[in-house]
Amino acid sequence: MLVEFQDFNKDVMVTNKAHLNLAIKNEMPGKFSANMGCNSMFGTATFGTSGSVKFSAVGSTMMYCEQNMDLEKAFIENLPKMTRYKVEGQFLTLSAPSGEQMKFAAADWD
């Protein structure tokens, strides 16, 4: 679940069930999916050994959902900029060289 990103309210992200799924089926290693409450997003995630990550081939379905477009647009524009990752307990933090961050909580965490 996406819990911290830019100035978006956590309640909005929780209500929209905003999430990034890195545990895609075994037959699709390196693939990810995401959803911010409307469109399905997808692409490739490559994790390095020293905390590096590269998101590429990022795409999305093209439905219009008035309540979700700002969050979706910001997420899909910023995800490829994330080049570092850090796992602390149930949290995954992605960060960009500019200091921008995305913080996720494990789906099974309250």
PDB file of N, CA and C in Angstrom:
ATOM      1  N   MET A   1       0.837  -1.175   0.000  1.00  0.00           N
ATOM      2  CA  MET A   1       0.000   0.000   0.000  1.00  0.00           C
ATOM      3  C   MET A   1       0.883   1.239   0.000  1.00  0.00           C
ATOM      4  N   LEU A   2       0.545   2.201  -0.825  1.00  0.00           N
ATOM      5  CA  LEU A   2       1.246   3.478  -0.846  1.00  0.00           C
ATOM      6  C   LEU A   2       0.748   4.290   0.337  1.00  0.00           C
ATOM      7  N   VAL A   3       1.647   4.724   1.212  1.00  0.00           N
ATOM      8  CA  VAL A   3       1.236   5.445   2.419  1.00  0.00           C
ATOM      9  C   VAL A   3       1.813   6.852   2.508  1.00  0.00           C
ATOM     10  N   GLU A   4       2.893   7.137   1.768  1.00  0.00           N
ATOM     11  CA  GLU A   4       3.473   8.482   1.743  1.00  0.00           C
ATOM     12  C   GLU A   4       3.984   8.779   0.346  1.00  0.00           C
ATOM     13  N   PHE A   5       3.506   9.909  -0.213  1.00  0.00           N
ATOM     14  CA  PHE A   5       3.965  10.322  -1.535  1.00  0.00           C
ATOM     15  C   PHE A   5       3.560  11.772  -1.751  1.00  0.00           C
ATOM     16  N   GLN A   6       4.545  12.600  -2.006  1.00  0.00           N
ATOM     17  CA  GLN A   6       4.333  14.030  -2.227  1.00  0.00           C
ATOM     18  C   GLN A   6       3.405  14.589  -1.155  1.00  0.00           C
ATOM     19  N   ASP A   7       2.440  15.401  -1.557  1.00  0.00           N
ATOM     20  CA  ASP A   7       1.512  16.008  -0.595  1.00  0.00           C
ATOM     21  C   ASP A   7       0.162  15.295  -0.572  1.00  0.00           C
ATOM     22  N   PHE A   8       0.113  14.094  -1.114  1.00  0.00           N
ATOM     23  CA  PHE A   8      -1.156  13.368  -1.151  1.00  0.00           C
ATOM     24  C   PHE A   8      -1.505  12.882   0.257  1.00  0.00           C
ATOM     25  N   ASN A   9      -2.769  12.983   0.591  1.00  0.00           N
ATOM     26  CA  ASN A   9      -3.281  12.586   1.895  1.00  0.00           C
ATOM     27  C   ASN A   9      -3.295  11.059   1.994  1.00  0.00           C
ATOM     28  N   LYS A  10      -2.796  10.536   3.118  1.00  0.00           N
ATOM     29  CA  LYS A  10      -2.756   9.088   3.318  1.00  0.00           C
ATOM     30  C   LYS A  10      -4.150   8.483   3.230  1.00  0.00           C
ATOM     31  N   ASP A  11      -5.173   9.171   3.747  1.00  0.00           N
ATOM     32  CA  ASP A  11      -6.541   8.656   3.693  1.00  0.00           C
ATOM     33  C   ASP A  11      -6.999   8.452   2.251  1.00  0.00           C
ATOM     34  N   VAL A  12      -6.618   9.360   1.359  1.00  0.00           N
ATOM     35  CA  VAL A  12      -6.979   9.228  -0.063  1.00  0.00           C
ATOM     36  C   VAL A  12      -6.308   7.994  -0.652  1.00  0.00           C
ATOM     37  N   MET A  13      -5.036   7.798  -0.316  1.00  0.00           N
ATOM     38  CA  MET A  13      -4.317   6.639  -0.855  1.00  0.00           C
ATOM     39  C   MET A  13      -4.903   5.331  -0.324  1.00  0.00           C
ATOM     40  N   VAL A  14      -5.276   5.309   0.946  1.00  0.00           N
ATOM     41  CA  VAL A  14      -5.864   4.102   1.537  1.00  0.00           C
ATOM     42  C   VAL A  14      -7.247   3.849   0.936  1.00  0.00           C
ATOM     43  N   THR A  15      -8.065   4.895   0.816  1.00  0.00           N
ATOM     44  CA  THR A  15      -9.405   4.753   0.228  1.00  0.00           C
ATOM     45  C   THR A  15      -9.314   4.237  -1.206  1.00  0.00           C
ATOM     46  N   ASN A  16      -8.339   4.722  -1.972  1.00  0.00           N
ATOM     47  CA  ASN A  16      -8.148   4.290  -3.362  1.00  0.00           C
ATOM     48  C   ASN A  16      -7.449   2.945  -3.472  1.00  0.00           C
ATOM     49  N   LYS A  17      -6.996   2.397  -2.329  1.00  0.00           N
ATOM     50  CA  LYS A  17      -6.228   1.152  -2.317  1.00  0.00           C
ATOM     51  C   LYS A  17      -5.004   1.253  -3.229  1.00  0.00           C
ATOM     52  N   ALA A  18      -4.329   2.417  -3.154  1.00  0.00           N
ATOM     53  CA  ALA A  18      -3.138   2.674  -3.961  1.00  0.00           C
ATOM     54  C   ALA A  18      -2.051   1.678  -3.570  1.00  0.00           C
ATOM     55  N   HIS A  19      -1.525   0.967  -4.553  1.00  0.00           N
ATOM     56  CA  HIS A  19      -0.531  -0.055  -4.243  1.00  0.00           C
ATOM     57  C   HIS A  19       0.418  -0.320  -5.405  1.00  0.00           C
ATOM     58  N   LEU A  20       1.548  -0.887  -5.045  1.00  0.00           N
ATOM     59  CA  LEU A  20       2.550  -1.368  -5.985  1.00  0.00           C
ATOM     60  C   LEU A  20       2.753  -2.834  -5.669  1.00  0.00           C
ATOM     61  N   ASN A  21       2.640  -3.688  -6.669  1.00  0.00           N
ATOM     62  CA  ASN A  21       2.796  -5.127  -6.478  1.00  0.00           C
ATOM     63  C   ASN A  21       4.075  -5.580  -7.175  1.00  0.00           C
ATOM     64  N   LEU A  22       5.052  -5.968  -6.365  1.00  0.00           N
ATOM     65  CA  LEU A  22       6.319  -6.461  -6.903  1.00  0.00           C
ATOM     66  C   LEU A  22       6.375  -7.979  -6.919  1.00  0.00           C
ATOM     67  N   ALA A  23       5.354  -8.609  -6.384  1.00  0.00           N
ATOM     68  CA  ALA A  23       5.308 -10.079  -6.280  1.00  0.00           C
ATOM     69  C   ALA A  23       4.411 -10.655  -7.374  1.00  0.00           C
ATOM     70  N   ILE A  24       4.732 -10.350  -8.607  1.00  0.00           N
ATOM     71  CA  ILE A  24       3.964 -10.842  -9.742  1.00  0.00           C
ATOM     72  C   ILE A  24       4.267 -12.335  -9.930  1.00  0.00           C
ATOM     73  N   LYS A  25       3.401 -12.998 -10.644  1.00  0.00           N
ATOM     74  CA  LYS A  25       3.515 -14.439 -10.879  1.00  0.00           C
ATOM     75  C   LYS A  25       4.931 -14.863 -11.242  1.00  0.00           C
ATOM     76  N   ASN A  26       5.283 -16.068 -10.834  1.00  0.00           N
ATOM     77  CA  ASN A  26       6.633 -16.603 -11.087  1.00  0.00           C
ATOM     78  C   ASN A  26       7.026 -16.584 -12.558  1.00  0.00           C
ATOM     79  N   GLU A  27       6.057 -16.711 -13.444  1.00  0.00           N
ATOM     80  CA  GLU A  27       6.399 -16.739 -14.868  1.00  0.00           C
ATOM     81  C   GLU A  27       6.705 -15.357 -15.434  1.00  0.00           C
ATOM     82  N   MET A  28       6.607 -14.322 -14.588  1.00  0.00           N
ATOM     83  CA  MET A  28       6.893 -12.962 -15.046  1.00  0.00           C
ATOM     84  C   MET A  28       7.887 -12.278 -14.100  1.00  0.00           C
ATOM     85  N   PRO A  29       9.063 -12.852 -13.871  1.00  0.00           N
ATOM     86  CA  PRO A  29      10.011 -12.234 -12.945  1.00  0.00           C
ATOM     87  C   PRO A  29      10.422 -10.844 -13.427  1.00  0.00           C
ATOM     88  N   GLY A  30      10.578  -9.933 -12.473  1.00  0.00           N
ATOM     89  CA  GLY A  30      10.997  -8.578 -12.796  1.00  0.00           C
ATOM     90  C   GLY A  30       9.868  -7.657 -13.190  1.00  0.00           C
ATOM     91  N   LYS A  31       8.656  -8.159 -13.282  1.00  0.00           N
ATOM     92  CA  LYS A  31       7.508  -7.332 -13.660  1.00  0.00           C
ATOM     93  C   LYS A  31       6.833  -6.788 -12.403  1.00  0.00           C
ATOM     94  N   PHE A  32       6.176  -5.641 -12.535  1.00  0.00           N
ATOM     95  CA  PHE A  32       5.394  -5.091 -11.437  1.00  0.00           C
ATOM     96  C   PHE A  32       4.032  -4.661 -11.960  1.00  0.00           C
ATOM     97  N   SER A  33       3.105  -4.525 -11.046  1.00  0.00           N
ATOM     98  CA  SER A  33       1.817  -3.921 -11.359  1.00  0.00           C
ATOM     99  C   SER A  33       1.525  -2.903 -10.264  1.00  0.00           C
ATOM    100  N   ALA A  34       0.668  -1.962 -10.576  1.00  0.00           N
ATOM    101  CA  ALA A  34       0.299  -0.926  -9.604  1.00  0.00           C
ATOM    102  C   ALA A  34      -1.089  -0.425  -9.948  1.00  0.00           C
ATOM    103  N   ASN A  35      -1.726   0.174  -8.962  1.00  0.00           N
ATOM    104  CA  ASN A  35      -3.042   0.772  -9.165  1.00  0.00           C
ATOM    105  C   ASN A  35      -3.212   1.859  -8.118  1.00  0.00           C
ATOM    106  N   MET A  36      -3.676   3.020  -8.542  1.00  0.00           N
ATOM    107  CA  MET A  36      -3.908   4.141  -7.638  1.00  0.00           C
ATOM    108  C   MET A  36      -5.400   4.371  -7.418  1.00  0.00           C
ATOM    109  N   GLY A  37      -6.221   3.409  -7.859  1.00  0.00           N
ATOM    110  CA  GLY A  37      -7.657   3.500  -7.656  1.00  0.00           C
ATOM    111  C   GLY A  37      -8.464   3.476  -8.932  1.00  0.00           C
ATOM    112  N   CYS A  38      -7.816   3.494 -10.089  1.00  0.00           N
ATOM    113  CA  CYS A  38      -8.558   3.482 -11.350  1.00  0.00           C
ATOM    114  C   CYS A  38      -7.832   2.636 -12.391  1.00  0.00           C
ATOM    115  N   ASN A  39      -6.774   3.153 -12.954  1.00  0.00           N
ATOM    116  CA  ASN A  39      -6.062   2.467 -14.032  1.00  0.00           C
ATOM    117  C   ASN A  39      -5.069   1.435 -13.522  1.00  0.00           C
ATOM    118  N   SER A  40      -4.897   0.388 -14.311  1.00  0.00           N
ATOM    119  CA  SER A  40      -3.865  -0.600 -14.028  1.00  0.00           C
ATOM    120  C   SER A  40      -2.556  -0.104 -14.635  1.00  0.00           C
ATOM    121  N   MET A  41      -1.489  -0.179 -13.857  1.00  0.00           N
ATOM    122  CA  MET A  41      -0.163   0.220 -14.325  1.00  0.00           C
ATOM    123  C   MET A  41       0.733  -1.010 -14.291  1.00  0.00           C
ATOM    124  N   PHE A  42       1.759  -0.996 -15.110  1.00  0.00           N
ATOM    125  CA  PHE A  42       2.604  -2.176 -15.244  1.00  0.00           C
ATOM    126  C   PHE A  42       3.965  -1.762 -15.779  1.00  0.00           C
ATOM    127  N   GLY A  43       4.923  -2.662 -15.651  1.00  0.00           N
ATOM    128  CA  GLY A  43       6.252  -2.398 -16.179  1.00  0.00           C
ATOM    129  C   GLY A  43       7.253  -3.377 -15.628  1.00  0.00           C
ATOM    130  N   THR A  44       8.515  -2.983 -15.701  1.00  0.00           N
ATOM    131  CA  THR A  44       9.617  -3.816 -15.265  1.00  0.00           C
ATOM    132  C   THR A  44      10.340  -3.138 -14.100  1.00  0.00           C
ATOM    133  N   ALA A  45      10.690  -3.936 -13.092  1.00  0.00           N
ATOM    134  CA  ALA A  45      11.471  -3.452 -11.955  1.00  0.00           C
ATOM    135  C   ALA A  45      12.713  -4.324 -11.826  1.00  0.00           C
ATOM    136  N   THR A  46      13.877  -3.686 -11.846  1.00  0.00           N
ATOM    137  CA  THR A  46      15.142  -4.398 -11.711  1.00  0.00           C
ATOM    138  C   THR A  46      15.829  -3.900 -10.447  1.00  0.00           C
ATOM    139  N   PHE A  47      16.039  -4.816  -9.494  1.00  0.00           N
ATOM    140  CA  PHE A  47      16.651  -4.473  -8.218  1.00  0.00           C
ATOM    141  C   PHE A  47      18.110  -4.902  -8.218  1.00  0.00           C
ATOM    142  N   GLY A  48      18.988  -3.968  -7.812  1.00  0.00           N
ATOM    143  CA  GLY A  48      20.408  -4.255  -7.706  1.00  0.00           C
ATOM    144  C   GLY A  48      20.769  -4.712  -6.305  1.00  0.00           C
ATOM    145  N   THR A  49      22.002  -5.124  -6.138  1.00  0.00           N
ATOM    146  CA  THR A  49      22.441  -5.659  -4.854  1.00  0.00           C
ATOM    147  C   THR A  49      22.736  -4.579  -3.820  1.00  0.00           C
ATOM    148  N   SER A  50      23.012  -3.364  -4.221  1.00  0.00           N
ATOM    149  CA  SER A  50      23.400  -2.326  -3.270  1.00  0.00           C
ATOM    150  C   SER A  50      22.320  -1.266  -3.077  1.00  0.00           C
ATOM    151  N   GLY A  51      21.047  -1.688  -3.127  1.00  0.00           N
ATOM    152  CA  GLY A  51      19.951  -0.748  -2.900  1.00  0.00           C
ATOM    153  C   GLY A  51      19.534   0.039  -4.124  1.00  0.00           C
ATOM    154  N   SER A  52      19.969  -0.377  -5.291  1.00  0.00           N
ATOM    155  CA  SER A  52      19.559   0.327  -6.509  1.00  0.00           C
ATOM    156  C   SER A  52      18.332  -0.348  -7.115  1.00  0.00           C
ATOM    157  N   VAL A  53      17.543   0.436  -7.822  1.00  0.00           N
ATOM    158  CA  VAL A  53      16.362  -0.079  -8.509  1.00  0.00           C
ATOM    159  C   VAL A  53      16.162   0.722  -9.790  1.00  0.00           C
ATOM    160  N   LYS A  54      15.631   0.049 -10.808  1.00  0.00           N
ATOM    161  CA  LYS A  54      15.311   0.723 -12.062  1.00  0.00           C
ATOM    162  C   LYS A  54      13.924   0.282 -12.505  1.00  0.00           C
ATOM    163  N   PHE A  55      13.040   1.252 -12.682  1.00  0.00           N
ATOM    164  CA  PHE A  55      11.707   0.994 -13.202  1.00  0.00           C
ATOM    165  C   PHE A  55      11.702   1.420 -14.660  1.00  0.00           C
ATOM    166  N   SER A  56      11.273   0.526 -15.541  1.00  0.00           N
ATOM    167  CA  SER A  56      11.260   0.828 -16.966  1.00  0.00           C
ATOM    168  C   SER A  56      10.028   0.225 -17.628  1.00  0.00           C
ATOM    169  N   ALA A  57       9.841   0.594 -18.885  1.00  0.00           N
ATOM    170  CA  ALA A  57       8.696   0.116 -19.667  1.00  0.00           C
ATOM    171  C   ALA A  57       7.394   0.316 -18.900  1.00  0.00           C
ATOM    172  N   VAL A  58       7.259   1.482 -18.251  1.00  0.00           N
ATOM    173  CA  VAL A  58       6.077   1.775 -17.442  1.00  0.00           C
ATOM    174  C   VAL A  58       4.928   2.156 -18.370  1.00  0.00           C
ATOM    175  N   GLY A  59       3.792   1.493 -18.172  1.00  0.00           N
ATOM    176  CA  GLY A  59       2.612   1.764 -18.968  1.00  0.00           C
ATOM    177  C   GLY A  59       1.365   1.749 -18.109  1.00  0.00           C
ATOM    178  N   SER A  60       0.242   2.071 -18.726  1.00  0.00           N
ATOM    179  CA  SER A  60      -1.012   2.172 -17.985  1.00  0.00           C
ATOM    180  C   SER A  60      -2.194   2.017 -18.932  1.00  0.00           C
ATOM    181  N   THR A  61      -3.304   1.530 -18.374  1.00  0.00           N
ATOM    182  CA  THR A  61      -4.552   1.601 -19.123  1.00  0.00           C
ATOM    183  C   THR A  61      -4.939   3.076 -19.179  1.00  0.00           C
ATOM    184  N   MET A  62      -5.946   3.421 -19.945  1.00  0.00           N
ATOM    185  CA  MET A  62      -6.221   4.832 -20.216  1.00  0.00           C
ATOM    186  C   MET A  62      -7.647   5.271 -19.854  1.00  0.00           C
ATOM    187  N   MET A  63      -8.180   4.791 -18.753  1.00  0.00           N
ATOM    188  CA  MET A  63      -9.511   5.232 -18.333  1.00  0.00           C
ATOM    189  C   MET A  63      -9.396   6.574 -17.615  1.00  0.00           C
ATOM    190  N   TYR A  64     -10.460   7.361 -17.673  1.00  0.00           N
ATOM    191  CA  TYR A  64     -10.489   8.634 -16.955  1.00  0.00           C
ATOM    192  C   TYR A  64     -11.309   8.462 -15.684  1.00  0.00           C
ATOM    193  N   CYS A  65     -10.705   8.780 -14.555  1.00  0.00           N
ATOM    194  CA  CYS A  65     -11.373   8.707 -13.262  1.00  0.00           C
ATOM    195  C   CYS A  65     -11.088  10.024 -12.543  1.00  0.00           C
ATOM    196  N   GLU A  66     -12.046  10.879 -12.505  1.00  0.00           N
ATOM    197  CA  GLU A  66     -11.854  12.240 -12.005  1.00  0.00           C
ATOM    198  C   GLU A  66     -11.190  12.299 -10.636  1.00  0.00           C
ATOM    199  N   GLN A  67     -11.553  11.412  -9.731  1.00  0.00           N
ATOM    200  CA  GLN A  67     -11.044  11.458  -8.365  1.00  0.00           C
ATOM    201  C   GLN A  67      -9.601  10.982  -8.240  1.00  0.00           C
ATOM    202  N   ASN A  68      -9.079  10.307  -9.233  1.00  0.00           N
ATOM    203  CA  ASN A  68      -7.784   9.653  -9.092  1.00  0.00           C
ATOM    204  C   ASN A  68      -6.697  10.176 -10.018  1.00  0.00           C
ATOM    205  N   MET A  69      -7.021  11.040 -10.929  1.00  0.00           N
ATOM    206  CA  MET A  69      -6.072  11.385 -11.982  1.00  0.00           C
ATOM    207  C   MET A  69      -4.818  12.087 -11.469  1.00  0.00           C
ATOM    208  N   ASP A  70      -4.922  12.961 -10.485  1.00  0.00           N
ATOM    209  CA  ASP A  70      -3.731  13.657  -9.975  1.00  0.00           C
ATOM    210  C   ASP A  70      -2.741  12.662  -9.366  1.00  0.00           C
ATOM    211  N   LEU A  71      -3.247  11.754  -8.540  1.00  0.00           N
ATOM    212  CA  LEU A  71      -2.388  10.753  -7.913  1.00  0.00           C
ATOM    213  C   LEU A  71      -1.779   9.834  -8.965  1.00  0.00           C
ATOM    214  N   GLU A  72      -2.582   9.364  -9.895  1.00  0.00           N
ATOM    215  CA  GLU A  72      -2.076   8.462 -10.931  1.00  0.00           C
ATOM    216  C   GLU A  72      -1.012   9.135 -11.789  1.00  0.00           C
ATOM    217  N   LYS A  73      -1.275  10.359 -12.204  1.00  0.00           N
ATOM    218  CA  LYS A  73      -0.330  11.079 -13.055  1.00  0.00           C
ATOM    219  C   LYS A  73       0.999  11.277 -12.322  1.00  0.00           C
ATOM    220  N   ALA A  74       0.945  11.713 -11.074  1.00  0.00           N
ATOM    221  CA  ALA A  74       2.172  11.927 -10.300  1.00  0.00           C
ATOM    222  C   ALA A  74       2.929  10.620 -10.100  1.00  0.00           C
ATOM    223  N   PHE A  75       2.210   9.542  -9.807  1.00  0.00           N
ATOM    224  CA  PHE A  75       2.856   8.242  -9.576  1.00  0.00           C
ATOM    225  C   PHE A  75       3.562   7.750 -10.832  1.00  0.00           C
ATOM    226  N   ILE A  76       2.858   7.745 -11.948  1.00  0.00           N
ATOM    227  CA  ILE A  76       3.437   7.196 -13.183  1.00  0.00           C
ATOM    228  C   ILE A  76       4.571   8.072 -13.710  1.00  0.00           C
ATOM    229  N   GLU A  77       4.534   9.380 -13.443  1.00  0.00           N
ATOM    230  CA  GLU A  77       5.623  10.263 -13.859  1.00  0.00           C
ATOM    231  C   GLU A  77       6.852  10.103 -12.967  1.00  0.00           C
ATOM    232  N   ASN A  78       6.644   9.822 -11.681  1.00  0.00           N
ATOM    233  CA  ASN A  78       7.749   9.777 -10.733  1.00  0.00           C
ATOM    234  C   ASN A  78       8.348   8.399 -10.523  1.00  0.00           C
ATOM    235  N   LEU A  79       7.605   7.338 -10.763  1.00  0.00           N
ATOM    236  CA  LEU A  79       8.140   6.000 -10.527  1.00  0.00           C
ATOM    237  C   LEU A  79       9.447   5.745 -11.285  1.00  0.00           C
ATOM    238  N   PRO A  80       9.557   6.085 -12.567  1.00  0.00           N
ATOM    239  CA  PRO A  80      10.827   5.838 -13.267  1.00  0.00           C
ATOM    240  C   PRO A  80      12.001   6.650 -12.710  1.00  0.00           C
ATOM    241  N   LYS A  81      11.730   7.697 -11.953  1.00  0.00           N
ATOM    242  CA  LYS A  81      12.784   8.517 -11.353  1.00  0.00           C
ATOM    243  C   LYS A  81      13.357   7.882 -10.089  1.00  0.00           C
ATOM    244  N   MET A  82      12.660   6.912  -9.535  1.00  0.00           N
ATOM    245  CA  MET A  82      13.107   6.257  -8.310  1.00  0.00           C
ATOM    246  C   MET A  82      14.269   5.322  -8.647  1.00  0.00           C
ATOM    247  N   THR A  83      15.407   5.543  -8.003  1.00  0.00           N
ATOM    248  CA  THR A  83      16.606   4.763  -8.322  1.00  0.00           C
ATOM    249  C   THR A  83      17.185   4.023  -7.116  1.00  0.00           C
ATOM    250  N   ARG A  84      16.640   4.247  -5.940  1.00  0.00           N
ATOM    251  CA  ARG A  84      17.129   3.600  -4.719  1.00  0.00           C
ATOM    252  C   ARG A  84      15.954   2.994  -3.967  1.00  0.00           C
ATOM    253  N   TYR A  85      16.202   1.906  -3.257  1.00  0.00           N
ATOM    254  CA  TYR A  85      15.171   1.320  -2.413  1.00  0.00           C
ATOM    255  C   TYR A  85      15.759   0.977  -1.051  1.00  0.00           C
ATOM    256  N   LYS A  86      14.860   0.945  -0.064  1.00  0.00           N
ATOM    257  CA  LYS A  86      15.252   0.596   1.302  1.00  0.00           C
ATOM    258  C   LYS A  86      14.075  -0.124   1.944  1.00  0.00           C
ATOM    259  N   VAL A  87      14.358  -1.261   2.571  1.00  0.00           N
ATOM    260  CA  VAL A  87      13.335  -2.026   3.279  1.00  0.00           C
ATOM    261  C   VAL A  87      13.633  -1.929   4.763  1.00  0.00           C
ATOM    262  N   GLU A  88      12.625  -1.466   5.517  1.00  0.00           N
ATOM    263  CA  GLU A  88      12.726  -1.370   6.975  1.00  0.00           C
ATOM    264  C   GLU A  88      11.457  -1.950   7.559  1.00  0.00           C
ATOM    265  N   GLY A  89      11.563  -3.142   8.160  1.00  0.00           N
ATOM    266  CA  GLY A  89      10.377  -3.795   8.711  1.00  0.00           C
ATOM    267  C   GLY A  89       9.359  -4.021   7.616  1.00  0.00           C
ATOM    268  N   GLN A  90       8.137  -3.526   7.822  1.00  0.00           N
ATOM    269  CA  GLN A  90       7.062  -3.700   6.847  1.00  0.00           C
ATOM    270  C   GLN A  90       7.022  -2.593   5.790  1.00  0.00           C
ATOM    271  N   PHE A  91       8.020  -1.696   5.795  1.00  0.00           N
ATOM    272  CA  PHE A  91       8.016  -0.556   4.872  1.00  0.00           C
ATOM    273  C   PHE A  91       9.060  -0.689   3.771  1.00  0.00           C
ATOM    274  N   LEU A  92       8.672  -0.280   2.556  1.00  0.00           N
ATOM    275  CA  LEU A  92       9.565  -0.153   1.414  1.00  0.00           C
ATOM    276  C   LEU A  92       9.566   1.318   1.037  1.00  0.00           C
ATOM    277  N   THR A  93      10.751   1.908   0.990  1.00  0.00           N
ATOM    278  CA  THR A  93      10.866   3.303   0.568  1.00  0.00           C
ATOM    279  C   THR A  93      11.658   3.356  -0.718  1.00  0.00           C
ATOM    280  N   LEU A  94      11.084   3.995  -1.730  1.00  0.00           N
ATOM    281  CA  LEU A  94      11.763   4.247  -2.993  1.00  0.00           C
ATOM    282  C   LEU A  94      12.167   5.709  -2.995  1.00  0.00           C
ATOM    283  N   SER A  95      13.359   6.008  -3.505  1.00  0.00           N
ATOM    284  CA  SER A  95      13.792   7.404  -3.515  1.00  0.00           C
ATOM    285  C   SER A  95      14.489   7.742  -4.830  1.00  0.00           C
ATOM    286  N   ALA A  96      14.418   9.033  -5.162  1.00  0.00           N
ATOM    287  CA  ALA A  96      15.034   9.579  -6.368  1.00  0.00           C
ATOM    288  C   ALA A  96      16.237  10.427  -5.958  1.00  0.00           C
ATOM    289  N   PRO A  97      17.183  10.651  -6.874  1.00  0.00           N
ATOM    290  CA  PRO A  97      18.331  11.504  -6.560  1.00  0.00           C
ATOM    291  C   PRO A  97      17.916  12.913  -6.108  1.00  0.00           C
ATOM    292  N   SER A  98      16.760  13.381  -6.547  1.00  0.00           N
ATOM    293  CA  SER A  98      16.273  14.715  -6.168  1.00  0.00           C
ATOM    294  C   SER A  98      15.751  14.770  -4.733  1.00  0.00           C
ATOM    295  N   GLY A  99      15.626  13.606  -4.078  1.00  0.00           N
ATOM    296  CA  GLY A  99      15.107  13.561  -2.707  1.00  0.00           C
ATOM    297  C   GLY A  99      13.655  13.130  -2.625  1.00  0.00           C
ATOM    298  N   GLU A 100      12.965  13.074  -3.743  1.00  0.00           N
ATOM    299  CA  GLU A 100      11.568  12.617  -3.784  1.00  0.00           C
ATOM    300  C   GLU A 100      11.494  11.184  -3.274  1.00  0.00           C
ATOM    301  N   GLN A 101      10.419  10.860  -2.539  1.00  0.00           N
ATOM    302  CA  GLN A 101      10.262   9.507  -2.014  1.00  0.00           C
ATOM    303  C   GLN A 101       8.838   8.998  -2.179  1.00  0.00           C
ATOM    304  N   MET A 102       8.737   7.680  -2.219  1.00  0.00           N
ATOM    305  CA  MET A 102       7.471   6.961  -2.156  1.00  0.00           C
ATOM    306  C   MET A 102       7.633   5.932  -1.050  1.00  0.00           C
ATOM    307  N   LYS A 103       6.672   5.881  -0.116  1.00  0.00           N
ATOM    308  CA  LYS A 103       6.764   4.914   0.974  1.00  0.00           C
ATOM    309  C   LYS A 103       5.560   3.994   0.923  1.00  0.00           C
ATOM    310  N   PHE A 104       5.838   2.701   1.014  1.00  0.00           N
ATOM    311  CA  PHE A 104       4.811   1.670   0.950  1.00  0.00           C
ATOM    312  C   PHE A 104       4.840   0.850   2.226  1.00  0.00           C
ATOM    313  N   ALA A 105       3.666   0.373   2.651  1.00  0.00           N
ATOM    314  CA  ALA A 105       3.554  -0.564   3.769  1.00  0.00           C
ATOM    315  C   ALA A 105       3.100  -1.899   3.199  1.00  0.00           C
ATOM    316  N   ALA A 106       3.603  -2.987   3.767  1.00  0.00           N
ATOM    317  CA  ALA A 106       3.192  -4.324   3.331  1.00  0.00           C
ATOM    318  C   ALA A 106       1.680  -4.439   3.430  1.00  0.00           C
ATOM    319  N   ALA A 107       1.068  -5.092   2.466  1.00  0.00           N
ATOM    320  CA  ALA A 107      -0.401  -5.195   2.410  1.00  0.00           C
ATOM    321  C   ALA A 107      -0.994  -5.900   3.615  1.00  0.00           C
ATOM    322  N   ASP A 108      -0.241  -6.777   4.242  1.00  0.00           N
ATOM    323  CA  ASP A 108      -0.781  -7.501   5.383  1.00  0.00           C
ATOM    324  C   ASP A 108      -0.506  -6.803   6.702  1.00  0.00           C
ATOM    325  N   TRP A 109      -0.035  -5.559   6.625  1.00  0.00           N
ATOM    326  CA  TRP A 109       0.248  -4.787   7.833  1.00  0.00           C
ATOM    327  C   TRP A 109      -0.905  -3.837   8.116  1.00  0.00           C
ATOM    328  N   ASP A 110      -1.280  -3.694   9.369  1.00  0.00           N
ATOM    329  CA  ASP A 110      -2.384  -2.795   9.712  1.00  0.00           C
ATOM    330  C   ASP A 110      -1.864  -1.410   9.906  1.00  0.00           C
TER     331      ASP A 110
END
